């Protein structure tokens, strides 16, 4: 009996001692909010989450042309011209940054959203903003060293458009013709749209000197290699697609910033030719870039209208198309007339 009582007392005493210890701990320990889950386990950054989402979107929408490794050699690439972008080299032509600099995230997102006219790159405006941001994050993983070693580039400055308020843009178009041919000399690659004598007038008006000769085929384009060794054909604005947009703002951006990896340089930093007489307006100034944009847009508007319904004749036979270069098959020979057998009497 005594032993049992002692055990009971000992058990009761242990419980009391335990409760006292817990009370002492709770009095000294900070209060913890147990209404929310504890922050434990692996934590992923927002960039890592975006890259993971972007990889899934890339495999669905981009891999067929740009390839699994981003080298621009997807299964469809051999059939495409121009070729898909090689993300490993990180030469992005269309951006708001100066030629040779990496584009901004907004530049990459704009290309994903709007596509590139006249190429196999469609617009993916139907994708959510989140998915477009994820694709941008994943594209950067194909050239991690370039994106980590180069600081984000600033977009080119946008000077005030002095022609925006004009209802009639004729003064802008006329000024753009002068600068196009006389200072920027776009006809070095693109076509000239005026006679040689007129070009010389524009050269002198922009502070230069008249020339005694010009390149052959001045009304055509001058093909040149890009940094990847691909032959590029500059745009004929009266005929060809303008890939990065045809609005005045788009054209201003392309002309001012230039095209990375091509012969098209950045112009926004060199549009300065002072007047020959004191107090006169500069011969060339940054706002002339807007005049060029209006001039190019006017050239685009001069393209022939699309054929109306019924204004064309369908091909009367199929056309041979070969992906490997073999000649078309020979047409079947016409059957010879059957011989006539005349039975002799």
C-alpha atoms as a PDB file:
ATOM      1  CA  UNK A   1       0.000   0.000   0.000  1.00  0.00           C
ATOM      2  CA  UNK A   2       2.756   2.399   0.877  1.00  0.00           C
ATOM      3  CA  UNK A   3       4.616   1.600  -2.323  1.00  0.00           C
ATOM      4  CA  UNK A   4       1.569   2.311  -4.511  1.00  0.00           C
ATOM      5  CA  UNK A   5       0.879   5.620  -2.778  1.00  0.00           C
ATOM      6  CA  UNK A   6       4.491   6.637  -3.188  1.00  0.00           C
ATOM      7  CA  UNK A   7       4.350   5.855  -6.896  1.00  0.00           C
ATOM      8  CA  UNK A   8       1.179   7.861  -7.282  1.00  0.00           C
ATOM      9  CA  UNK A   9       2.720  10.807  -5.522  1.00  0.00           C
ATOM     10  CA  UNK A  10       5.842  10.519  -7.578  1.00  0.00           C
ATOM     11  CA  UNK A  11       3.789  10.537 -10.839  1.00  0.00           C
ATOM     12  CA  UNK A  12       1.692  13.461  -9.725  1.00  0.00           C
ATOM     13  CA  UNK A  13       4.815  15.376  -8.738  1.00  0.00           C
ATOM     14  CA  UNK A  14       6.468  14.736 -12.107  1.00  0.00           C
ATOM     15  CA  UNK A  15       3.451  16.140 -13.932  1.00  0.00           C
ATOM     16  CA  UNK A  16       3.474  19.231 -11.773  1.00  0.00           C
ATOM     17  CA  UNK A  17       7.199  19.696 -12.325  1.00  0.00           C
ATOM     18  CA  UNK A  18       6.714  19.299 -16.109  1.00  0.00           C
ATOM     19  CA  UNK A  19       3.909  21.840 -16.191  1.00  0.00           C
ATOM     20  CA  UNK A  20       6.045  24.253 -14.228  1.00  0.00           C
ATOM     21  CA  UNK A  21       8.936  23.849 -16.649  1.00  0.00           C
ATOM     22  CA  UNK A  22       6.678  24.437 -19.629  1.00  0.00           C
ATOM     23  CA  UNK A  23       5.244  27.517 -18.012  1.00  0.00           C
ATOM     24  CA  UNK A  24       8.750  28.831 -17.456  1.00  0.00           C
ATOM     25  CA  UNK A  25       9.705  28.205 -21.085  1.00  0.00           C
ATOM     26  CA  UNK A  26       6.592  29.871 -22.469  1.00  0.00           C
ATOM     27  CA  UNK A  27       7.239  32.876 -20.308  1.00  0.00           C
ATOM     28  CA  UNK A  28      10.758  33.347 -21.707  1.00  0.00           C
ATOM     29  CA  UNK A  29      10.291  32.220 -25.367  1.00  0.00           C
ATOM     30  CA  UNK A  30       8.905  34.655 -27.976  1.00  0.00           C
ATOM     31  CA  UNK A  31       5.392  34.185 -29.179  1.00  0.00           C
ATOM     32  CA  UNK A  32       5.090  32.268 -32.441  1.00  0.00           C
ATOM     33  CA  UNK A  33       2.237  32.705 -34.916  1.00  0.00           C
ATOM     34  CA  UNK A  34       1.114  29.142 -35.517  1.00  0.00           C
ATOM     35  CA  UNK A  35      -1.809  30.151 -37.756  1.00  0.00           C
ATOM     36  CA  UNK A  36       0.406  30.169 -40.883  1.00  0.00           C
ATOM     37  CA  UNK A  37       2.487  27.333 -42.343  1.00  0.00           C
ATOM     38  CA  UNK A  38       6.132  27.296 -41.366  1.00  0.00           C
ATOM     39  CA  UNK A  39       8.650  28.470 -44.004  1.00  0.00           C
ATOM     40  CA  UNK A  40      10.625  25.278 -44.475  1.00  0.00           C
ATOM     41  CA  UNK A  41      12.063  23.327 -47.381  1.00  0.00           C
ATOM     42  CA  UNK A  42      13.545  24.510 -50.722  1.00  0.00           C
ATOM     43  CA  UNK A  43      12.675  28.018 -51.795  1.00  0.00           C
ATOM     44  CA  UNK A  44      12.813  29.077 -55.479  1.00  0.00           C
ATOM     45  CA  UNK A  45      13.383  32.639 -56.650  1.00  0.00           C
ATOM     46  CA  UNK A  46      10.915  34.340 -58.930  1.00  0.00           C
ATOM     47  CA  UNK A  47      13.440  34.098 -61.776  1.00  0.00           C
ATOM     48  CA  UNK A  48      13.786  30.333 -61.322  1.00  0.00           C
ATOM     49  CA  UNK A  49      10.027  29.919 -61.391  1.00  0.00           C
ATOM     50  CA  UNK A  50       9.782  32.040 -64.552  1.00  0.00           C
ATOM     51  CA  UNK A  51      12.528  30.022 -66.248  1.00  0.00           C
ATOM     52  CA  UNK A  52      10.721  26.787 -65.455  1.00  0.00           C
ATOM     53  CA  UNK A  53       7.464  28.134 -66.864  1.00  0.00           C
ATOM     54  CA  UNK A  54       9.302  29.564 -69.856  1.00  0.00           C
ATOM     55  CA  UNK A  55      10.913  26.222 -70.661  1.00  0.00           C
ATOM     56  CA  UNK A  56       7.498  24.582 -70.914  1.00  0.00           C
ATOM     57  CA  UNK A  57       6.181  27.390 -73.140  1.00  0.00           C
ATOM     58  CA  UNK A  58       9.326  27.307 -75.289  1.00  0.00           C
ATOM     59  CA  UNK A  59       8.979  23.584 -75.954  1.00  0.00           C
ATOM     60  CA  UNK A  60       5.393  24.109 -77.040  1.00  0.00           C
ATOM     61  CA  UNK A  61       5.729  27.254 -79.196  1.00  0.00           C
ATOM     62  CA  UNK A  62       9.394  27.838 -80.138  1.00  0.00           C
ATOM     63  CA  UNK A  63      11.379  24.601 -80.269  1.00  0.00           C
ATOM     64  CA  UNK A  64      10.272  23.661 -83.787  1.00  0.00           C
ATOM     65  CA  UNK A  65      12.158  26.617 -85.321  1.00  0.00           C
ATOM     66  CA  UNK A  66      14.730  27.736 -82.739  1.00  0.00           C
ATOM     67  CA  UNK A  67      15.771  24.238 -81.635  1.00  0.00           C
ATOM     68  CA  UNK A  68      16.004  22.479 -78.280  1.00  0.00           C
ATOM     69  CA  UNK A  69      19.311  24.194 -77.467  1.00  0.00           C
ATOM     70  CA  UNK A  70      18.312  27.612 -78.868  1.00  0.00           C
ATOM     71  CA  UNK A  71      20.798  27.401 -81.744  1.00  0.00           C
ATOM     72  CA  UNK A  72      18.204  28.290 -84.400  1.00  0.00           C
ATOM     73  CA  UNK A  73      18.364  24.808 -85.941  1.00  0.00           C
ATOM     74  CA  UNK A  74      14.995  23.345 -85.088  1.00  0.00           C
ATOM     75  CA  UNK A  75      13.347  20.727 -87.311  1.00  0.00           C
ATOM     76  CA  UNK A  76      11.672  23.415 -89.442  1.00  0.00           C
ATOM     77  CA  UNK A  77      14.690  25.725 -89.742  1.00  0.00           C
ATOM     78  CA  UNK A  78      16.083  24.238 -92.973  1.00  0.00           C
ATOM     79  CA  UNK A  79      12.913  25.227 -94.804  1.00  0.00           C
ATOM     80  CA  UNK A  80      12.845  28.821 -93.550  1.00  0.00           C
ATOM     81  CA  UNK A  81      14.265  32.048 -94.897  1.00  0.00           C
ATOM     82  CA  UNK A  82      15.220  34.160 -93.051  1.00  0.00           C
ATOM     83  CA  UNK A  83      16.625  31.657 -90.578  1.00  0.00           C
ATOM     84  CA  UNK A  84      15.367  31.549 -86.973  1.00  0.00           C
ATOM     85  CA  UNK A  85      17.331  33.499 -84.385  1.00  0.00           C
ATOM     86  CA  UNK A  86      20.288  31.742 -82.728  1.00  0.00           C
ATOM     87  CA  UNK A  87      19.764  32.550 -79.040  1.00  0.00           C
ATOM     88  CA  UNK A  88      23.186  31.181 -78.121  1.00  0.00           C
ATOM     89  CA  UNK A  89      24.870  34.077 -79.956  1.00  0.00           C
ATOM     90  CA  UNK A  90      22.448  36.670 -78.550  1.00  0.00           C
ATOM     91  CA  UNK A  91      22.481  38.825 -81.692  1.00  0.00           C
ATOM     92  CA  UNK A  92      19.028  40.386 -81.522  1.00  0.00           C
ATOM     93  CA  UNK A  93      18.428  42.659 -84.534  1.00  0.00           C
ATOM     94  CA  UNK A  94      15.315  44.501 -83.436  1.00  0.00           C
ATOM     95  CA  UNK A  95      15.644  46.421 -80.189  1.00  0.00           C
ATOM     96  CA  UNK A  96      15.422  49.875 -78.670  1.00  0.00           C
ATOM     97  CA  UNK A  97      19.085  49.739 -77.608  1.00  0.00           C
ATOM     98  CA  UNK A  98      22.086  50.749 -79.656  1.00  0.00           C
ATOM     99  CA  UNK A  99      23.475  48.369 -82.255  1.00  0.00           C
ATOM    100  CA  UNK A 100      25.670  45.735 -80.627  1.00  0.00           C
ATOM    101  CA  UNK A 101      23.988  45.964 -77.223  1.00  0.00           C
ATOM    102  CA  UNK A 102      21.665  43.411 -75.701  1.00  0.00           C
ATOM    103  CA  UNK A 103      17.970  44.242 -75.960  1.00  0.00           C
ATOM    104  CA  UNK A 104      15.759  45.125 -73.029  1.00  0.00           C
ATOM    105  CA  UNK A 105      13.186  42.678 -71.709  1.00  0.00           C
ATOM    106  CA  UNK A 106      10.521  44.915 -73.247  1.00  0.00           C
ATOM    107  CA  UNK A 107      12.201  44.518 -76.658  1.00  0.00           C
ATOM    108  CA  UNK A 108      12.176  40.724 -76.467  1.00  0.00           C
ATOM    109  CA  UNK A 109       8.621  40.724 -75.233  1.00  0.00           C
ATOM    110  CA  UNK A 110       7.516  43.013 -78.076  1.00  0.00           C
ATOM    111  CA  UNK A 111       9.000  40.646 -80.666  1.00  0.00           C
ATOM    112  CA  UNK A 112       7.272  37.670 -79.032  1.00  0.00           C
ATOM    113  CA  UNK A 113       3.974  39.546 -78.922  1.00  0.00           C
ATOM    114  CA  UNK A 114       3.966  41.062 -82.427  1.00  0.00           C
ATOM    115  CA  UNK A 115       6.181  38.666 -84.392  1.00  0.00           C
ATOM    116  CA  UNK A 116       8.343  39.637 -87.376  1.00  0.00           C
ATOM    117  CA  UNK A 117       6.545  40.405 -90.624  1.00  0.00           C
ATOM    118  CA  UNK A 118       7.700  38.540 -93.699  1.00  0.00           C
ATOM    119  CA  UNK A 119       9.262  35.742 -91.679  1.00  0.00           C
ATOM    120  CA  UNK A 120       8.090  32.521 -90.065  1.00  0.00           C
ATOM    121  CA  UNK A 121       8.013  34.254 -86.655  1.00  0.00           C
ATOM    122  CA  UNK A 122       4.334  34.779 -85.788  1.00  0.00           C
ATOM    123  CA  UNK A 123       2.962  37.003 -83.069  1.00  0.00           C
ATOM    124  CA  UNK A 124       2.033  35.368 -79.771  1.00  0.00           C
ATOM    125  CA  UNK A 125      -0.228  38.097 -78.451  1.00  0.00           C
ATOM    126  CA  UNK A 126      -2.656  35.405 -77.274  1.00  0.00           C
ATOM    127  CA  UNK A 127      -0.162  34.295 -74.629  1.00  0.00           C
ATOM    128  CA  UNK A 128      -0.549  35.876 -71.211  1.00  0.00           C
ATOM    129  CA  UNK A 129       1.882  38.542 -70.014  1.00  0.00           C
ATOM    130  CA  UNK A 130       3.178  36.044 -67.480  1.00  0.00           C
ATOM    131  CA  UNK A 131       3.976  33.478 -70.187  1.00  0.00           C
ATOM    132  CA  UNK A 132       5.660  36.098 -72.360  1.00  0.00           C
ATOM    133  CA  UNK A 133       7.812  37.173 -69.399  1.00  0.00           C
ATOM    134  CA  UNK A 134       8.634  33.514 -68.767  1.00  0.00           C
ATOM    135  CA  UNK A 135       9.762  33.037 -72.374  1.00  0.00           C
ATOM    136  CA  UNK A 136      12.034  36.074 -72.077  1.00  0.00           C
ATOM    137  CA  UNK A 137      13.595  34.636 -68.922  1.00  0.00           C
ATOM    138  CA  UNK A 138      14.135  31.238 -70.526  1.00  0.00           C
ATOM    139  CA  UNK A 139      15.610  32.634 -73.771  1.00  0.00           C
ATOM    140  CA  UNK A 140      18.368  34.265 -71.711  1.00  0.00           C
ATOM    141  CA  UNK A 141      19.478  30.861 -70.389  1.00  0.00           C
ATOM    142  CA  UNK A 142      20.869  29.942 -73.823  1.00  0.00           C
ATOM    143  CA  UNK A 143      23.628  32.582 -73.470  1.00  0.00           C
ATOM    144  CA  UNK A 144      24.051  32.969 -69.684  1.00  0.00           C
ATOM    145  CA  UNK A 145      27.546  34.460 -69.858  1.00  0.00           C
ATOM    146  CA  UNK A 146      26.526  37.312 -72.164  1.00  0.00           C
ATOM    147  CA  UNK A 147      23.482  38.199 -70.104  1.00  0.00           C
ATOM    148  CA  UNK A 148      25.363  38.064 -66.791  1.00  0.00           C
ATOM    149  CA  UNK A 149      28.514  39.878 -67.920  1.00  0.00           C
ATOM    150  CA  UNK A 150      26.815  42.743 -69.753  1.00  0.00           C
ATOM    151  CA  UNK A 151      24.837  45.292 -67.738  1.00  0.00           C
ATOM    152  CA  UNK A 152      21.328  46.122 -68.941  1.00  0.00           C
ATOM    153  CA  UNK A 153      21.552  48.600 -71.800  1.00  0.00           C
ATOM    154  CA  UNK A 154      19.496  51.772 -71.811  1.00  0.00           C
ATOM    155  CA  UNK A 155      17.063  52.423 -74.672  1.00  0.00           C
ATOM    156  CA  UNK A 156      17.959  55.113 -77.159  1.00  0.00           C
ATOM    157  CA  UNK A 157      16.711  58.633 -76.366  1.00  0.00           C
ATOM    158  CA  UNK A 158      13.460  59.621 -78.034  1.00  0.00           C
ATOM    159  CA  UNK A 159      13.665  63.237 -79.186  1.00  0.00           C
ATOM    160  CA  UNK A 160      10.536  65.311 -79.652  1.00  0.00           C
ATOM    161  CA  UNK A 161       8.667  64.765 -82.904  1.00  0.00           C
ATOM    162  CA  UNK A 162       8.319  68.248 -84.475  1.00  0.00           C
ATOM    163  CA  UNK A 163       5.850  66.974 -87.074  1.00  0.00           C
ATOM    164  CA  UNK A 164       3.365  65.197 -84.829  1.00  0.00           C
ATOM    165  CA  UNK A 165       0.851  68.031 -84.731  1.00  0.00           C
ATOM    166  CA  UNK A 166       0.857  68.538 -88.515  1.00  0.00           C
ATOM    167  CA  UNK A 167      -2.179  67.192 -90.317  1.00  0.00           C
ATOM    168  CA  UNK A 168      -0.321  67.300 -93.622  1.00  0.00           C
ATOM    169  CA  UNK A 169       2.981  65.450 -93.231  1.00  0.00           C
ATOM    170  CA  UNK A 170       4.382  66.712 -96.541  1.00  0.00           C
ATOM    171  CA  UNK A 171       7.114  68.863 -94.877  1.00  0.00           C
ATOM    172  CA  UNK A 172       8.283  65.838 -92.885  1.00  0.00           C
ATOM    173  CA  UNK A 173       8.321  63.603 -95.975  1.00  0.00           C
ATOM    174  CA  UNK A 174      10.252  66.147 -98.006  1.00  0.00           C
ATOM    175  CA  UNK A 175      12.809  66.628 -95.248  1.00  0.00           C
ATOM    176  CA  UNK A 176      13.082  62.873 -94.845  1.00  0.00           C
ATOM    177  CA  UNK A 177      13.953  62.488 -98.530  1.00  0.00           C
ATOM    178  CA  UNK A 178      16.810  64.952 -98.096  1.00  0.00           C
ATOM    179  CA  UNK A 179      18.261  63.226 -95.015  1.00  0.00           C
ATOM    180  CA  UNK A 180      17.709  59.694 -96.382  1.00  0.00           C
ATOM    181  CA  UNK A 181      19.756  60.433 -99.520  1.00  0.00           C
ATOM    182  CA  UNK A 182      22.002  63.296 -98.413  1.00  0.00           C
ATOM    183  CA  UNK A 183      23.253  62.472 -94.922  1.00  0.00           C
ATOM    184  CA  UNK A 184      22.393  58.944 -93.817  1.00  0.00           C
ATOM    185  CA  UNK A 185      22.971  57.785 -97.439  1.00  0.00           C
ATOM    186  CA  UNK A 186      20.636  54.830 -97.006  1.00  0.00           C
ATOM    187  CA  UNK A 187      21.139  54.061-100.710  1.00  0.00           C
ATOM    188  CA  UNK A 188      24.453  52.438 -99.773  1.00  0.00           C
ATOM    189  CA  UNK A 189      22.352  49.367 -98.949  1.00  0.00           C
ATOM    190  CA  UNK A 190      18.706  50.206 -99.602  1.00  0.00           C
ATOM    191  CA  UNK A 191      17.456  51.537-102.957  1.00  0.00           C
ATOM    192  CA  UNK A 192      17.713  55.181-103.907  1.00  0.00           C
ATOM    193  CA  UNK A 193      14.323  56.626-104.721  1.00  0.00           C
ATOM    194  CA  UNK A 194      15.466  59.737-106.595  1.00  0.00           C
ATOM    195  CA  UNK A 195      17.795  60.384-109.521  1.00  0.00           C
ATOM    196  CA  UNK A 196      21.568  60.743-109.050  1.00  0.00           C
ATOM    197  CA  UNK A 197      21.401  64.488-109.713  1.00  0.00           C
ATOM    198  CA  UNK A 198      18.845  64.827-106.956  1.00  0.00           C
ATOM    199  CA  UNK A 199      21.021  62.816-104.584  1.00  0.00           C
ATOM    200  CA  UNK A 200      23.895  65.232-105.196  1.00  0.00           C
ATOM    201  CA  UNK A 201      21.623  68.152-104.310  1.00  0.00           C
ATOM    202  CA  UNK A 202      20.730  66.445-101.040  1.00  0.00           C
ATOM    203  CA  UNK A 203      24.389  65.664-100.280  1.00  0.00           C
ATOM    204  CA  UNK A 204      25.315  69.321-100.592  1.00  0.00           C
ATOM    205  CA  UNK A 205      22.264  70.402 -98.552  1.00  0.00           C
ATOM    206  CA  UNK A 206      23.473  68.200 -95.681  1.00  0.00           C
ATOM    207  CA  UNK A 207      27.001  69.633 -95.707  1.00  0.00           C
ATOM    208  CA  UNK A 208      28.625  67.059 -97.973  1.00  0.00           C
ATOM    209  CA  UNK A 209      29.993  67.129-101.491  1.00  0.00           C
ATOM    210  CA  UNK A 210      28.507  66.008-104.787  1.00  0.00           C
ATOM    211  CA  UNK A 211      29.682  62.674-106.165  1.00  0.00           C
ATOM    212  CA  UNK A 212      30.809  61.818-109.662  1.00  0.00           C
ATOM    213  CA  UNK A 213      29.479  58.255-109.530  1.00  0.00           C
ATOM    214  CA  UNK A 214      27.344  55.879-107.549  1.00  0.00           C
ATOM    215  CA  UNK A 215      27.144  52.133-107.065  1.00  0.00           C
ATOM    216  CA  UNK A 216      25.698  49.949-109.770  1.00  0.00           C
ATOM    217  CA  UNK A 217      22.010  49.072-109.516  1.00  0.00           C
ATOM    218  CA  UNK A 218      21.306  52.146-107.426  1.00  0.00           C
ATOM    219  CA  UNK A 219      17.575  51.488-107.555  1.00  0.00           C
ATOM    220  CA  UNK A 220      18.062  47.995-106.114  1.00  0.00           C
ATOM    221  CA  UNK A 221      19.438  46.653-102.858  1.00  0.00           C
ATOM    222  CA  UNK A 222      23.032  45.821-101.960  1.00  0.00           C
ATOM    223  CA  UNK A 223      23.186  42.403-100.272  1.00  0.00           C
ATOM    224  CA  UNK A 224      25.609  42.109 -97.340  1.00  0.00           C
ATOM    225  CA  UNK A 225      26.660  39.441 -94.853  1.00  0.00           C
ATOM    226  CA  UNK A 226      25.674  39.674 -91.201  1.00  0.00           C
ATOM    227  CA  UNK A 227      27.951  38.717 -88.309  1.00  0.00           C
ATOM    228  CA  UNK A 228      26.791  35.100 -88.538  1.00  0.00           C
ATOM    229  CA  UNK A 229      27.803  34.798 -92.189  1.00  0.00           C
ATOM    230  CA  UNK A 230      24.264  34.871 -93.552  1.00  0.00           C
ATOM    231  CA  UNK A 231      23.478  36.945 -96.640  1.00  0.00           C
ATOM    232  CA  UNK A 232      20.941  39.659 -95.898  1.00  0.00           C
ATOM    233  CA  UNK A 233      18.995  41.722 -98.393  1.00  0.00           C
ATOM    234  CA  UNK A 234      18.116  45.225 -97.158  1.00  0.00           C
ATOM    235  CA  UNK A 235      14.505  46.271 -97.406  1.00  0.00           C
ATOM    236  CA  UNK A 236      13.086  47.819-100.534  1.00  0.00           C
ATOM    237  CA  UNK A 237      10.455  49.935 -98.830  1.00  0.00           C
ATOM    238  CA  UNK A 238       8.199  49.983-101.875  1.00  0.00           C
ATOM    239  CA  UNK A 239       8.105  46.203-102.068  1.00  0.00           C
ATOM    240  CA  UNK A 240       9.419  44.241 -99.078  1.00  0.00           C
ATOM    241  CA  UNK A 241       8.137  43.570 -95.591  1.00  0.00           C
ATOM    242  CA  UNK A 242       9.298  45.824 -92.766  1.00  0.00           C
ATOM    243  CA  UNK A 243       9.764  43.244 -90.041  1.00  0.00           C
ATOM    244  CA  UNK A 244       9.750  45.271 -86.834  1.00  0.00           C
ATOM    245  CA  UNK A 245       6.695  47.418 -87.534  1.00  0.00           C
ATOM    246  CA  UNK A 246       5.520  50.135 -89.911  1.00  0.00           C
ATOM    247  CA  UNK A 247       4.244  52.790 -87.508  1.00  0.00           C
ATOM    248  CA  UNK A 248       6.199  56.026 -87.304  1.00  0.00           C
ATOM    249  CA  UNK A 249       7.310  55.101 -83.791  1.00  0.00           C
ATOM    250  CA  UNK A 250       8.526  51.677 -84.924  1.00  0.00           C
ATOM    251  CA  UNK A 251      10.418  53.156 -87.854  1.00  0.00           C
ATOM    252  CA  UNK A 252      11.994  55.842 -85.650  1.00  0.00           C
ATOM    253  CA  UNK A 253      13.211  53.150 -83.248  1.00  0.00           C
ATOM    254  CA  UNK A 254      14.724  51.001 -86.001  1.00  0.00           C
ATOM    255  CA  UNK A 255      16.418  53.886 -87.808  1.00  0.00           C
ATOM    256  CA  UNK A 256      17.737  55.466 -84.620  1.00  0.00           C
ATOM    257  CA  UNK A 257      18.959  52.325 -82.857  1.00  0.00           C
ATOM    258  CA  UNK A 258      20.207  50.350 -85.850  1.00  0.00           C
ATOM    259  CA  UNK A 259      20.139  46.571 -86.275  1.00  0.00           C
ATOM    260  CA  UNK A 260      22.560  44.502 -84.223  1.00  0.00           C
ATOM    261  CA  UNK A 261      24.737  42.124 -86.242  1.00  0.00           C
ATOM    262  CA  UNK A 262      24.114  43.882 -89.561  1.00  0.00           C
ATOM    263  CA  UNK A 263      25.555  46.804 -91.526  1.00  0.00           C
ATOM    264  CA  UNK A 264      22.772  49.055 -90.181  1.00  0.00           C
ATOM    265  CA  UNK A 265      24.472  51.287 -87.549  1.00  0.00           C
ATOM    266  CA  UNK A 266      23.075  53.425 -84.752  1.00  0.00           C
ATOM    267  CA  UNK A 267      22.175  56.888 -86.023  1.00  0.00           C
ATOM    268  CA  UNK A 268      20.758  58.632 -82.983  1.00  0.00           C
ATOM    269  CA  UNK A 269      24.220  59.666 -81.728  1.00  0.00           C
ATOM    270  CA  UNK A 270      25.550  61.213 -84.947  1.00  0.00           C
ATOM    271  CA  UNK A 271      22.711  63.411 -86.186  1.00  0.00           C
ATOM    272  CA  UNK A 272      24.651  66.653 -85.739  1.00  0.00           C
ATOM    273  CA  UNK A 273      25.902  68.869 -88.574  1.00  0.00           C
ATOM    274  CA  UNK A 274      26.222  72.535 -87.573  1.00  0.00           C
ATOM    275  CA  UNK A 275      25.169  75.373 -89.831  1.00  0.00           C
ATOM    276  CA  UNK A 276      27.785  76.986 -92.031  1.00  0.00           C
ATOM    277  CA  UNK A 277      26.661  80.463 -90.976  1.00  0.00           C
ATOM    278  CA  UNK A 278      26.188  81.723 -87.437  1.00  0.00           C
ATOM    279  CA  UNK A 279      22.612  81.771 -86.192  1.00  0.00           C
ATOM    280  CA  UNK A 280      21.279  79.473 -88.902  1.00  0.00           C
ATOM    281  CA  UNK A 281      19.567  76.156 -88.197  1.00  0.00           C
ATOM    282  CA  UNK A 282      21.807  73.060 -88.107  1.00  0.00           C
ATOM    283  CA  UNK A 283      22.141  71.242 -91.406  1.00  0.00           C
ATOM    284  CA  UNK A 284      21.314  67.968 -89.643  1.00  0.00           C
ATOM    285  CA  UNK A 285      19.830  67.470 -86.177  1.00  0.00           C
ATOM    286  CA  UNK A 286      18.322  64.576 -84.147  1.00  0.00           C
ATOM    287  CA  UNK A 287      14.721  65.493 -85.014  1.00  0.00           C
ATOM    288  CA  UNK A 288      15.526  64.608 -88.635  1.00  0.00           C
ATOM    289  CA  UNK A 289      15.170  60.976 -87.598  1.00  0.00           C
ATOM    290  CA  UNK A 290      11.426  61.577 -87.347  1.00  0.00           C
ATOM    291  CA  UNK A 291      11.462  63.051 -90.847  1.00  0.00           C
ATOM    292  CA  UNK A 292      13.132  59.887 -92.123  1.00  0.00           C
ATOM    293  CA  UNK A 293      10.500  57.774 -90.384  1.00  0.00           C
ATOM    294  CA  UNK A 294       7.715  59.701 -92.120  1.00  0.00           C
ATOM    295  CA  UNK A 295       9.541  59.437 -95.459  1.00  0.00           C
ATOM    296  CA  UNK A 296       9.970  55.658 -95.174  1.00  0.00           C
ATOM    297  CA  UNK A 297       6.347  55.286 -94.139  1.00  0.00           C
ATOM    298  CA  UNK A 298       5.344  57.251 -97.255  1.00  0.00           C
ATOM    299  CA  UNK A 299       7.434  54.900 -99.413  1.00  0.00           C
ATOM    300  CA  UNK A 300       5.652  51.941 -97.862  1.00  0.00           C
ATOM    301  CA  UNK A 301       2.289  53.512 -98.686  1.00  0.00           C
ATOM    302  CA  UNK A 302       3.221  53.591-102.387  1.00  0.00           C
ATOM    303  CA  UNK A 303       3.165  49.816-102.704  1.00  0.00           C
ATOM    304  CA  UNK A 304       0.647  48.392-105.175  1.00  0.00           C
ATOM    305  CA  UNK A 305      -2.649  47.412-103.649  1.00  0.00           C
ATOM    306  CA  UNK A 306      -3.335  43.749-103.034  1.00  0.00           C
ATOM    307  CA  UNK A 307      -5.153  41.885-105.766  1.00  0.00           C
ATOM    308  CA  UNK A 308      -8.901  42.000-105.471  1.00  0.00           C
ATOM    309  CA  UNK A 309     -11.036  38.869-105.617  1.00  0.00           C
ATOM    310  CA  UNK A 310     -11.138  37.560-109.171  1.00  0.00           C
ATOM    311  CA  UNK A 311      -8.170  39.660-110.306  1.00  0.00           C
ATOM    312  CA  UNK A 312      -5.872  36.675-110.652  1.00  0.00           C
ATOM    313  CA  UNK A 313      -5.722  33.442-112.602  1.00  0.00           C
ATOM    314  CA  UNK A 314      -5.191  30.183-110.700  1.00  0.00           C
ATOM    315  CA  UNK A 315      -2.290  28.035-111.809  1.00  0.00           C
ATOM    316  CA  UNK A 316      -3.497  25.449-114.306  1.00  0.00           C
ATOM    317  CA  UNK A 317      -1.025  22.829-113.129  1.00  0.00           C
ATOM    318  CA  UNK A 318       0.815  22.035-109.887  1.00  0.00           C
ATOM    319  CA  UNK A 319       4.236  23.582-109.351  1.00  0.00           C
ATOM    320  CA  UNK A 320       7.195  21.345-108.508  1.00  0.00           C
ATOM    321  CA  UNK A 321       8.797  22.275-105.175  1.00  0.00           C
ATOM    322  CA  UNK A 322      11.936  20.445-104.065  1.00  0.00           C
ATOM    323  CA  UNK A 323      13.471  20.705-100.591  1.00  0.00           C
ATOM    324  CA  UNK A 324      16.623  18.811-101.542  1.00  0.00           C
ATOM    325  CA  UNK A 325      17.397  20.166-105.022  1.00  0.00           C
ATOM    326  CA  UNK A 326      16.434  17.270-107.268  1.00  0.00           C
ATOM    327  CA  UNK A 327      15.064  18.211-110.676  1.00  0.00           C
ATOM    328  CA  UNK A 328      11.359  17.904-111.374  1.00  0.00           C
ATOM    329  CA  UNK A 329      10.200  14.594-112.786  1.00  0.00           C
ATOM    330  CA  UNK A 330       9.788  14.344-116.515  1.00  0.00           C
ATOM    331  CA  UNK A 331       6.220  14.713-117.722  1.00  0.00           C
ATOM    332  CA  UNK A 332       4.657  11.484-118.900  1.00  0.00           C
ATOM    333  CA  UNK A 333       4.987  10.842-122.593  1.00  0.00           C
ATOM    334  CA  UNK A 334       1.846  11.166-124.644  1.00  0.00           C
ATOM    335  CA  UNK A 335       0.539   7.765-125.685  1.00  0.00           C
ATOM    336  CA  UNK A 336       1.217   6.970-129.287  1.00  0.00           C
ATOM    337  CA  UNK A 337      -1.683   6.513-131.622  1.00  0.00           C
ATOM    338  CA  UNK A 338      -2.692   2.866-131.950  1.00  0.00           C
ATOM    339  CA  UNK A 339      -1.699   1.189-135.168  1.00  0.00           C
ATOM    340  CA  UNK A 340      -4.466   0.484-137.562  1.00  0.00           C
ATOM    341  CA  UNK A 341      -4.630  -2.997-138.976  1.00  0.00           C
ATOM    342  CA  UNK A 342      -6.279  -3.244-142.335  1.00  0.00           C
ATOM    343  CA  UNK A 343      -7.413  -6.671-143.201  1.00  0.00           C
ATOM    344  CA  UNK A 344      -6.550  -7.538-146.788  1.00  0.00           C
ATOM    345  CA  UNK A 345      -9.320  -9.058-148.864  1.00  0.00           C
END
